[in-house]
Amino acid sequence: MFGWILPKLLVLGLIIAAIYYVYKWVRRLDRERQDKLREEGVNSHIGRDGEDLVQCTLCGTYGQISLERCPEGHDDCPMMGG
């Protein structure tokens, strides 16, 4: 009766350990990717249409280059007009 419990517990332990190590591996890869982007000075996000959004140096909001109007209402926004 107890002979079946030990193998089941060992298999469960192996499954839990595998999940834990895969989780650690994925987190490490993500951290390395973020560190690499931070070192390169990349400060952009992806928009809805897949276009890169850049951060405005004046107000700090994100938008596409060559905007028709500033999202914050600034007349001298560097992202306006191209």
PDB file of N, CA and C in Angstrom:
ATOM      1  N   MET A   1       0.805  -1.185   0.000  1.00  0.00           N
ATOM      2  CA  MET A   1       0.000   0.000   0.000  1.00  0.00           C
ATOM      3  C   MET A   1       0.858   1.263   0.000  1.00  0.00           C
ATOM      4  N   PHE A   2       1.858   1.341   0.865  1.00  0.00           N
ATOM      5  CA  PHE A   2       2.704   2.522   0.920  1.00  0.00           C
ATOM      6  C   PHE A   2       3.772   2.517  -0.167  1.00  0.00           C
ATOM      7  N   GLY A   3       3.920   1.418  -0.868  1.00  0.00           N
ATOM      8  CA  GLY A   3       4.912   1.328  -1.930  1.00  0.00           C
ATOM      9  C   GLY A   3       4.611   2.235  -3.104  1.00  0.00           C
ATOM     10  N   TRP A   4       3.354   2.597  -3.304  1.00  0.00           N
ATOM     11  CA  TRP A   4       2.976   3.458  -4.415  1.00  0.00           C
ATOM     12  C   TRP A   4       3.087   4.938  -4.062  1.00  0.00           C
ATOM     13  N   ILE A   5       3.105   5.275  -2.813  1.00  0.00           N
ATOM     14  CA  ILE A   5       3.117   6.678  -2.407  1.00  0.00           C
ATOM     15  C   ILE A   5       4.469   7.329  -2.681  1.00  0.00           C
ATOM     16  N   LEU A   6       5.554   6.642  -2.358  1.00  0.00           N
ATOM     17  CA  LEU A   6       6.887   7.220  -2.539  1.00  0.00           C
ATOM     18  C   LEU A   6       7.194   7.552  -3.999  1.00  0.00           C
ATOM     19  N   PRO A   7       6.951   6.649  -4.954  1.00  0.00           N
ATOM     20  CA  PRO A   7       7.210   7.020  -6.359  1.00  0.00           C
ATOM     21  C   PRO A   7       6.346   8.194  -6.837  1.00  0.00           C
ATOM     22  N   LYS A   8       5.107   8.242  -6.371  1.00  0.00           N
ATOM     23  CA  LYS A   8       4.247   9.354  -6.770  1.00  0.00           C
ATOM     24  C   LYS A   8       4.765  10.677  -6.201  1.00  0.00           C
ATOM     25  N   LEU A   9       5.238  10.661  -4.976  1.00  0.00           N
ATOM     26  CA  LEU A   9       5.794  11.865  -4.374  1.00  0.00           C
ATOM     27  C   LEU A   9       7.074  12.300  -5.080  1.00  0.00           C
ATOM     28  N   LEU A  10       7.899  11.331  -5.483  1.00  0.00           N
ATOM     29  CA  LEU A  10       9.125  11.661  -6.209  1.00  0.00           C
ATOM     30  C   LEU A  10       8.808  12.298  -7.566  1.00  0.00           C
ATOM     31  N   VAL A  11       7.833  11.743  -8.267  1.00  0.00           N
ATOM     32  CA  VAL A  11       7.451  12.306  -9.563  1.00  0.00           C
ATOM     33  C   VAL A  11       6.878  13.706  -9.373  1.00  0.00           C
ATOM     34  N   LEU A  12       6.048  13.890  -8.373  1.00  0.00           N
ATOM     35  CA  LEU A  12       5.496  15.209  -8.092  1.00  0.00           C
ATOM     36  C   LEU A  12       6.606  16.205  -7.766  1.00  0.00           C
ATOM     37  N   GLY A  13       7.572  15.780  -6.972  1.00  0.00           N
ATOM     38  CA  GLY A  13       8.704  16.643  -6.644  1.00  0.00           C
ATOM     39  C   GLY A  13       9.514  17.017  -7.876  1.00  0.00           C
ATOM     40  N   LEU A  14       9.722  16.056  -8.783  1.00  0.00           N
ATOM     41  CA  LEU A  14      10.455  16.343 -10.023  1.00  0.00           C
ATOM     42  C   LEU A  14       9.685  17.334 -10.901  1.00  0.00           C
ATOM     43  N   ILE A  15       8.373  17.189 -10.957  1.00  0.00           N
ATOM     44  CA  ILE A  15       7.567  18.109 -11.756  1.00  0.00           C
ATOM     45  C   ILE A  15       7.637  19.518 -11.174  1.00  0.00           C
ATOM     46  N   ILE A  16       7.517  19.634  -9.877  1.00  0.00           N
ATOM     47  CA  ILE A  16       7.587  20.948  -9.225  1.00  0.00           C
ATOM     48  C   ILE A  16       8.968  21.573  -9.418  1.00  0.00           C
ATOM     49  N   ALA A  17      10.021  20.770  -9.299  1.00  0.00           N
ATOM     50  CA  ALA A  17      11.378  21.282  -9.499  1.00  0.00           C
ATOM     51  C   ALA A  17      11.575  21.748 -10.938  1.00  0.00           C
ATOM     52  N   ALA A  18      11.046  20.992 -11.908  1.00  0.00           N
ATOM     53  CA  ALA A  18      11.183  21.378 -13.310  1.00  0.00           C
ATOM     54  C   ALA A  18      10.476  22.708 -13.575  1.00  0.00           C
ATOM     55  N   ILE A  19       9.289  22.863 -13.042  1.00  0.00           N
ATOM     56  CA  ILE A  19       8.544  24.116 -13.228  1.00  0.00           C
ATOM     57  C   ILE A  19       9.314  25.277 -12.609  1.00  0.00           C
ATOM     58  N   TYR A  20       9.867  25.071 -11.435  1.00  0.00           N
ATOM     59  CA  TYR A  20      10.625  26.114 -10.743  1.00  0.00           C
ATOM     60  C   TYR A  20      11.849  26.540 -11.555  1.00  0.00           C
ATOM     61  N   TYR A  21      12.600  25.579 -12.078  1.00  0.00           N
ATOM     62  CA  TYR A  21      13.813  25.929 -12.816  1.00  0.00           C
ATOM     63  C   TYR A  21      13.498  26.556 -14.174  1.00  0.00           C
ATOM     64  N   VAL A  22      12.423  26.159 -14.816  1.00  0.00           N
ATOM     65  CA  VAL A  22      12.026  26.808 -16.066  1.00  0.00           C
ATOM     66  C   VAL A  22      11.616  28.246 -15.782  1.00  0.00           C
ATOM     67  N   TYR A  23      10.893  28.474 -14.691  1.00  0.00           N
ATOM     68  CA  TYR A  23      10.494  29.823 -14.297  1.00  0.00           C
ATOM     69  C   TYR A  23      11.719  30.697 -14.037  1.00  0.00           C
ATOM     70  N   LYS A  24      12.698  30.167 -13.315  1.00  0.00           N
ATOM     71  CA  LYS A  24      13.921  30.929 -13.050  1.00  0.00           C
ATOM     72  C   LYS A  24      14.651  31.256 -14.344  1.00  0.00           C
ATOM     73  N   TRP A  25      14.698  30.313 -15.268  1.00  0.00           N
ATOM     74  CA  TRP A  25      15.397  30.497 -16.538  1.00  0.00           C
ATOM     75  C   TRP A  25      14.728  31.601 -17.359  1.00  0.00           C
ATOM     76  N   VAL A  26      13.389  31.584 -17.416  1.00  0.00           N
ATOM     77  CA  VAL A  26      12.662  32.599 -18.182  1.00  0.00           C
ATOM     78  C   VAL A  26      12.851  33.976 -17.553  1.00  0.00           C
ATOM     79  N   ARG A  27      12.806  34.057 -16.243  1.00  0.00           N
ATOM     80  CA  ARG A  27      13.021  35.344 -15.567  1.00  0.00           C
ATOM     81  C   ARG A  27      14.422  35.876 -15.825  1.00  0.00           C
ATOM     82  N   ARG A  28      15.426  34.995 -15.830  1.00  0.00           N
ATOM     83  CA  ARG A  28      16.799  35.426 -16.086  1.00  0.00           C
ATOM     84  C   ARG A  28      16.939  35.961 -17.509  1.00  0.00           C
ATOM     85  N   LEU A  29      16.329  35.266 -18.483  1.00  0.00           N
ATOM     86  CA  LEU A  29      16.387  35.740 -19.862  1.00  0.00           C
ATOM     87  C   LEU A  29      15.718  37.106 -20.006  1.00  0.00           C
ATOM     88  N   ASP A  30      14.577  37.293 -19.343  1.00  0.00           N
ATOM     89  CA  ASP A  30      13.886  38.572 -19.406  1.00  0.00           C
ATOM     90  C   ASP A  30      14.713  39.677 -18.757  1.00  0.00           C
ATOM     91  N   ARG A  31      15.333  39.378 -17.635  1.00  0.00           N
ATOM     92  CA  ARG A  31      16.172  40.362 -16.945  1.00  0.00           C
ATOM     93  C   ARG A  31      17.369  40.742 -17.815  1.00  0.00           C
ATOM     94  N   GLU A  32      17.984  39.771 -18.481  1.00  0.00           N
ATOM     95  CA  GLU A  32      19.112  40.065 -19.365  1.00  0.00           C
ATOM     96  C   GLU A  32      18.675  40.937 -20.541  1.00  0.00           C
ATOM     97  N   ARG A  33      17.474  40.653 -21.084  1.00  0.00           N
ATOM     98  CA  ARG A  33      16.963  41.452 -22.192  1.00  0.00           C
ATOM     99  C   ARG A  33      16.709  42.887 -21.745  1.00  0.00           C
ATOM    100  N   GLN A  34      16.121  43.058 -20.567  1.00  0.00           N
ATOM    101  CA  GLN A  34      15.863  44.401 -20.060  1.00  0.00           C
ATOM    102  C   GLN A  34      17.162  45.147 -19.764  1.00  0.00           C
ATOM    103  N   ASP A  35      18.157  44.457 -19.222  1.00  0.00           N
ATOM    104  CA  ASP A  35      19.450  45.097 -18.958  1.00  0.00           C
ATOM    105  C   ASP A  35      20.115  45.543 -20.254  1.00  0.00           C
ATOM    106  N   LYS A  36      20.017  44.709 -21.285  1.00  0.00           N
ATOM    107  CA  LYS A  36      20.613  45.053 -22.574  1.00  0.00           C
ATOM    108  C   LYS A  36      19.934  46.290 -23.170  1.00  0.00           C
ATOM    109  N   LEU A  37      18.605  46.339 -23.088  1.00  0.00           N
ATOM    110  CA  LEU A  37      17.888  47.503 -23.594  1.00  0.00           C
ATOM    111  C   LEU A  37      18.238  48.746 -22.791  1.00  0.00           C
ATOM    112  N   ARG A  38      18.386  48.602 -21.486  1.00  0.00           N
ATOM    113  CA  ARG A  38      18.726  49.736 -20.632  1.00  0.00           C
ATOM    114  C   ARG A  38      20.124  50.242 -20.967  1.00  0.00           C
ATOM    115  N   GLU A  39      21.071  49.335 -21.230  1.00  0.00           N
ATOM    116  CA  GLU A  39      22.435  49.742 -21.577  1.00  0.00           C
ATOM    117  C   GLU A  39      22.473  50.473 -22.912  1.00  0.00           C
ATOM    118  N   GLU A  40      21.625  50.050 -23.853  1.00  0.00           N
ATOM    119  CA  GLU A  40      21.605  50.692 -25.162  1.00  0.00           C
ATOM    120  C   GLU A  40      20.871  52.024 -25.127  1.00  0.00           C
ATOM    121  N   GLY A  41      20.196  52.301 -24.030  1.00  0.00           N
ATOM    122  CA  GLY A  41      19.470  53.556 -23.911  1.00  0.00           C
ATOM    123  C   GLY A  41      18.164  53.566 -24.648  1.00  0.00           C
ATOM    124  N   VAL A  42      17.602  52.428 -24.905  1.00  0.00           N
ATOM    125  CA  VAL A  42      16.338  52.356 -25.618  1.00  0.00           C
ATOM    126  C   VAL A  42      15.230  52.774 -24.669  1.00  0.00           C
ATOM    127  N   ASN A  43      14.459  53.747 -25.110  1.00  0.00           N
ATOM    128  CA  ASN A  43      13.362  54.238 -24.290  1.00  0.00           C
ATOM    129  C   ASN A  43      12.137  54.384 -25.179  1.00  0.00           C
ATOM    130  N   SER A  44      11.697  53.271 -25.748  1.00  0.00           N
ATOM    131  CA  SER A  44      10.552  53.326 -26.640  1.00  0.00           C
ATOM    132  C   SER A  44       9.590  52.204 -26.311  1.00  0.00           C
ATOM    133  N   HIS A  45       8.384  52.334 -26.820  1.00  0.00           N
ATOM    134  CA  HIS A  45       7.339  51.340 -26.649  1.00  0.00           C
ATOM    135  C   HIS A  45       6.743  51.055 -28.012  1.00  0.00           C
ATOM    136  N   ILE A  46       5.960  50.002 -28.108  1.00  0.00           N
ATOM    137  CA  ILE A  46       5.323  49.652 -29.370  1.00  0.00           C
ATOM    138  C   ILE A  46       3.871  50.125 -29.325  1.00  0.00           C
ATOM    139  N   GLY A  47       3.431  50.782 -30.386  1.00  0.00           N
ATOM    140  CA  GLY A  47       2.058  51.272 -30.469  1.00  0.00           C
ATOM    141  C   GLY A  47       1.099  50.188 -30.914  1.00  0.00           C
ATOM    142  N   ARG A  48      -0.157  50.566 -31.077  1.00  0.00           N
ATOM    143  CA  ARG A  48      -1.193  49.605 -31.470  1.00  0.00           C
ATOM    144  C   ARG A  48      -0.940  49.015 -32.844  1.00  0.00           C
ATOM    145  N   ASP A  49      -0.473  49.825 -33.762  1.00  0.00           N
ATOM    146  CA  ASP A  49      -0.258  49.375 -35.136  1.00  0.00           C
ATOM    147  C   ASP A  49       1.110  48.730 -35.318  1.00  0.00           C
ATOM    148  N   GLY A  50       1.819  48.504 -34.251  1.00  0.00           N
ATOM    149  CA  GLY A  50       3.139  47.909 -34.340  1.00  0.00           C
ATOM    150  C   GLY A  50       4.227  48.924 -34.605  1.00  0.00           C
ATOM    151  N   GLU A  51       3.866  50.198 -34.642  1.00  0.00           N
ATOM    152  CA  GLU A  51       4.857  51.237 -34.884  1.00  0.00           C
ATOM    153  C   GLU A  51       5.520  51.619 -33.572  1.00  0.00           C
ATOM    154  N   ASP A  52       6.776  51.992 -33.661  1.00  0.00           N
ATOM    155  CA  ASP A  52       7.501  52.405 -32.468  1.00  0.00           C
ATOM    156  C   ASP A  52       6.987  53.759 -31.991  1.00  0.00           C
ATOM    157  N   LEU A  53       6.826  53.852 -30.700  1.00  0.00           N
ATOM    158  CA  LEU A  53       6.485  55.119 -30.081  1.00  0.00           C
ATOM    159  C   LEU A  53       7.736  55.650 -29.407  1.00  0.00           C
ATOM    160  N   VAL A  54       7.948  56.947 -29.516  1.00  0.00           N
ATOM    161  CA  VAL A  54       9.121  57.559 -28.901  1.00  0.00           C
ATOM    162  C   VAL A  54       8.664  58.509 -27.807  1.00  0.00           C
ATOM    163  N   GLN A  55       9.534  58.712 -26.831  1.00  0.00           N
ATOM    164  CA  GLN A  55       9.201  59.585 -25.716  1.00  0.00           C
ATOM    165  C   GLN A  55       9.567  61.018 -26.055  1.00  0.00           C
ATOM    166  N   CYS A  56       8.638  61.914 -25.836  1.00  0.00           N
ATOM    167  CA  CYS A  56       8.866  63.332 -26.077  1.00  0.00           C
ATOM    168  C   CYS A  56       9.844  63.857 -25.030  1.00  0.00           C
ATOM    169  N   THR A  57      10.832  64.603 -25.486  1.00  0.00           N
ATOM    170  CA  THR A  57      11.823  65.147 -24.565  1.00  0.00           C
ATOM    171  C   THR A  57      11.276  66.319 -23.762  1.00  0.00           C
ATOM    172  N   LEU A  58      10.193  66.930 -24.241  1.00  0.00           N
ATOM    173  CA  LEU A  58       9.618  68.078 -23.563  1.00  0.00           C
ATOM    174  C   LEU A  58       8.672  67.677 -22.433  1.00  0.00           C
ATOM    175  N   CYS A  59       7.700  66.810 -22.756  1.00  0.00           N
ATOM    176  CA  CYS A  59       6.668  66.498 -21.758  1.00  0.00           C
ATOM    177  C   CYS A  59       6.724  65.067 -21.249  1.00  0.00           C
ATOM    178  N   GLY A  60       7.462  64.173 -21.917  1.00  0.00           N
ATOM    179  CA  GLY A  60       7.627  62.813 -21.431  1.00  0.00           C
ATOM    180  C   GLY A  60       6.564  61.836 -21.886  1.00  0.00           C
ATOM    181  N   THR A  61       5.566  62.289 -22.655  1.00  0.00           N
ATOM    182  CA  THR A  61       4.553  61.368 -23.152  1.00  0.00           C
ATOM    183  C   THR A  61       5.081  60.612 -24.357  1.00  0.00           C
ATOM    184  N   TYR A  62       4.424  59.522 -24.686  1.00  0.00           N
ATOM    185  CA  TYR A  62       4.830  58.706 -25.823  1.00  0.00           C
ATOM    186  C   TYR A  62       3.898  58.965 -26.997  1.00  0.00           C
ATOM    187  N   GLY A  63       4.462  58.980 -28.188  1.00  0.00           N
ATOM    188  CA  GLY A  63       3.666  59.168 -29.393  1.00  0.00           C
ATOM    189  C   GLY A  63       4.498  58.838 -30.619  1.00  0.00           C
ATOM    190  N   GLN A  64       3.836  58.881 -31.770  1.00  0.00           N
ATOM    191  CA  GLN A  64       4.547  58.636 -33.023  1.00  0.00           C
ATOM    192  C   GLN A  64       5.240  59.919 -33.453  1.00  0.00           C
ATOM    193  N   ILE A  65       6.295  59.761 -34.224  1.00  0.00           N
ATOM    194  CA  ILE A  65       6.989  60.931 -34.750  1.00  0.00           C
ATOM    195  C   ILE A  65       6.093  61.577 -35.807  1.00  0.00           C
ATOM    196  N   SER A  66       6.182  62.875 -35.980  1.00  0.00           N
ATOM    197  CA  SER A  66       5.397  63.666 -36.937  1.00  0.00           C
ATOM    198  C   SER A  66       3.928  63.712 -36.532  1.00  0.00           C
ATOM    199  N   LEU A  67       3.673  64.042 -35.285  1.00  0.00           N
ATOM    200  CA  LEU A  67       2.292  64.201 -34.827  1.00  0.00           C
ATOM    201  C   LEU A  67       1.694  65.476 -35.396  1.00  0.00           C
ATOM    202  N   GLU A  68       0.378  65.492 -35.576  1.00  0.00           N
ATOM    203  CA  GLU A  68      -0.305  66.702 -36.015  1.00  0.00           C
ATOM    204  C   GLU A  68      -0.479  67.670 -34.849  1.00  0.00           C
ATOM    205  N   ARG A  69      -0.667  67.107 -33.654  1.00  0.00           N
ATOM    206  CA  ARG A  69      -0.773  67.954 -32.472  1.00  0.00           C
ATOM    207  C   ARG A  69      -0.158  67.216 -31.290  1.00  0.00           C
ATOM    208  N   CYS A  70       0.309  67.970 -30.342  1.00  0.00           N
ATOM    209  CA  CYS A  70       0.938  67.398 -29.156  1.00  0.00           C
ATOM    210  C   CYS A  70      -0.135  66.798 -28.242  1.00  0.00           C
ATOM    211  N   PRO A  71       0.092  65.611 -27.698  1.00  0.00           N
ATOM    212  CA  PRO A  71      -0.899  65.030 -26.792  1.00  0.00           C
ATOM    213  C   PRO A  71      -1.111  65.859 -25.530  1.00  0.00           C
ATOM    214  N   GLU A  72      -0.109  66.637 -25.142  1.00  0.00           N
ATOM    215  CA  GLU A  72      -0.217  67.463 -23.943  1.00  0.00           C
ATOM    216  C   GLU A  72      -0.588  68.912 -24.252  1.00  0.00           C
ATOM    217  N   GLY A  73      -0.729  69.240 -25.548  1.00  0.00           N
ATOM    218  CA  GLY A  73      -1.146  70.588 -25.930  1.00  0.00           C
ATOM    219  C   GLY A  73      -0.023  71.603 -26.060  1.00  0.00           C
ATOM    220  N   HIS A  74       1.227  71.181 -26.103  1.00  0.00           N
ATOM    221  CA  HIS A  74       2.354  72.113 -26.255  1.00  0.00           C
ATOM    222  C   HIS A  74       2.476  72.544 -27.716  1.00  0.00           C
ATOM    223  N   ASP A  75       2.694  73.849 -27.919  1.00  0.00           N
ATOM    224  CA  ASP A  75       2.859  74.359 -29.281  1.00  0.00           C
ATOM    225  C   ASP A  75       4.256  74.100 -29.821  1.00  0.00           C
ATOM    226  N   ASP A  76       5.233  73.957 -28.956  1.00  0.00           N
ATOM    227  CA  ASP A  76       6.631  73.769 -29.384  1.00  0.00           C
ATOM    228  C   ASP A  76       7.090  72.327 -29.197  1.00  0.00           C
ATOM    229  N   CYS A  77       6.168  71.378 -29.316  1.00  0.00           N
ATOM    230  CA  CYS A  77       6.500  69.966 -29.117  1.00  0.00           C
ATOM    231  C   CYS A  77       7.455  69.495 -30.226  1.00  0.00           C
ATOM    232  N   PRO A  78       8.563  68.850 -29.868  1.00  0.00           N
ATOM    233  CA  PRO A  78       9.526  68.410 -30.880  1.00  0.00           C
ATOM    234  C   PRO A  78       9.018  67.267 -31.741  1.00  0.00           C
ATOM    235  N   MET A  79       7.911  66.663 -31.383  1.00  0.00           N
ATOM    236  CA  MET A  79       7.374  65.540 -32.158  1.00  0.00           C
ATOM    237  C   MET A  79       6.375  65.988 -33.214  1.00  0.00           C
ATOM    238  N   MET A  80       6.027  67.263 -33.241  1.00  0.00           N
ATOM    239  CA  MET A  80       5.024  67.765 -34.187  1.00  0.00           C
ATOM    240  C   MET A  80       5.647  68.105 -35.538  1.00  0.00           C
ATOM    241  N   GLY A  81       4.895  67.823 -36.571  1.00  0.00           N
ATOM    242  CA  GLY A  81       5.236  68.306 -37.903  1.00  0.00           C
ATOM    243  C   GLY A  81       6.375  67.605 -38.604  1.00  0.00           C
ATOM    244  N   GLY A  82       7.172  66.833 -37.933  1.00  0.00           N
ATOM    245  CA  GLY A  82       8.232  66.102 -38.615  1.00  0.00           C
ATOM    246  C   GLY A  82       9.443  66.901 -38.678  1.00  0.00           C
TER     247      GLY A  82
END
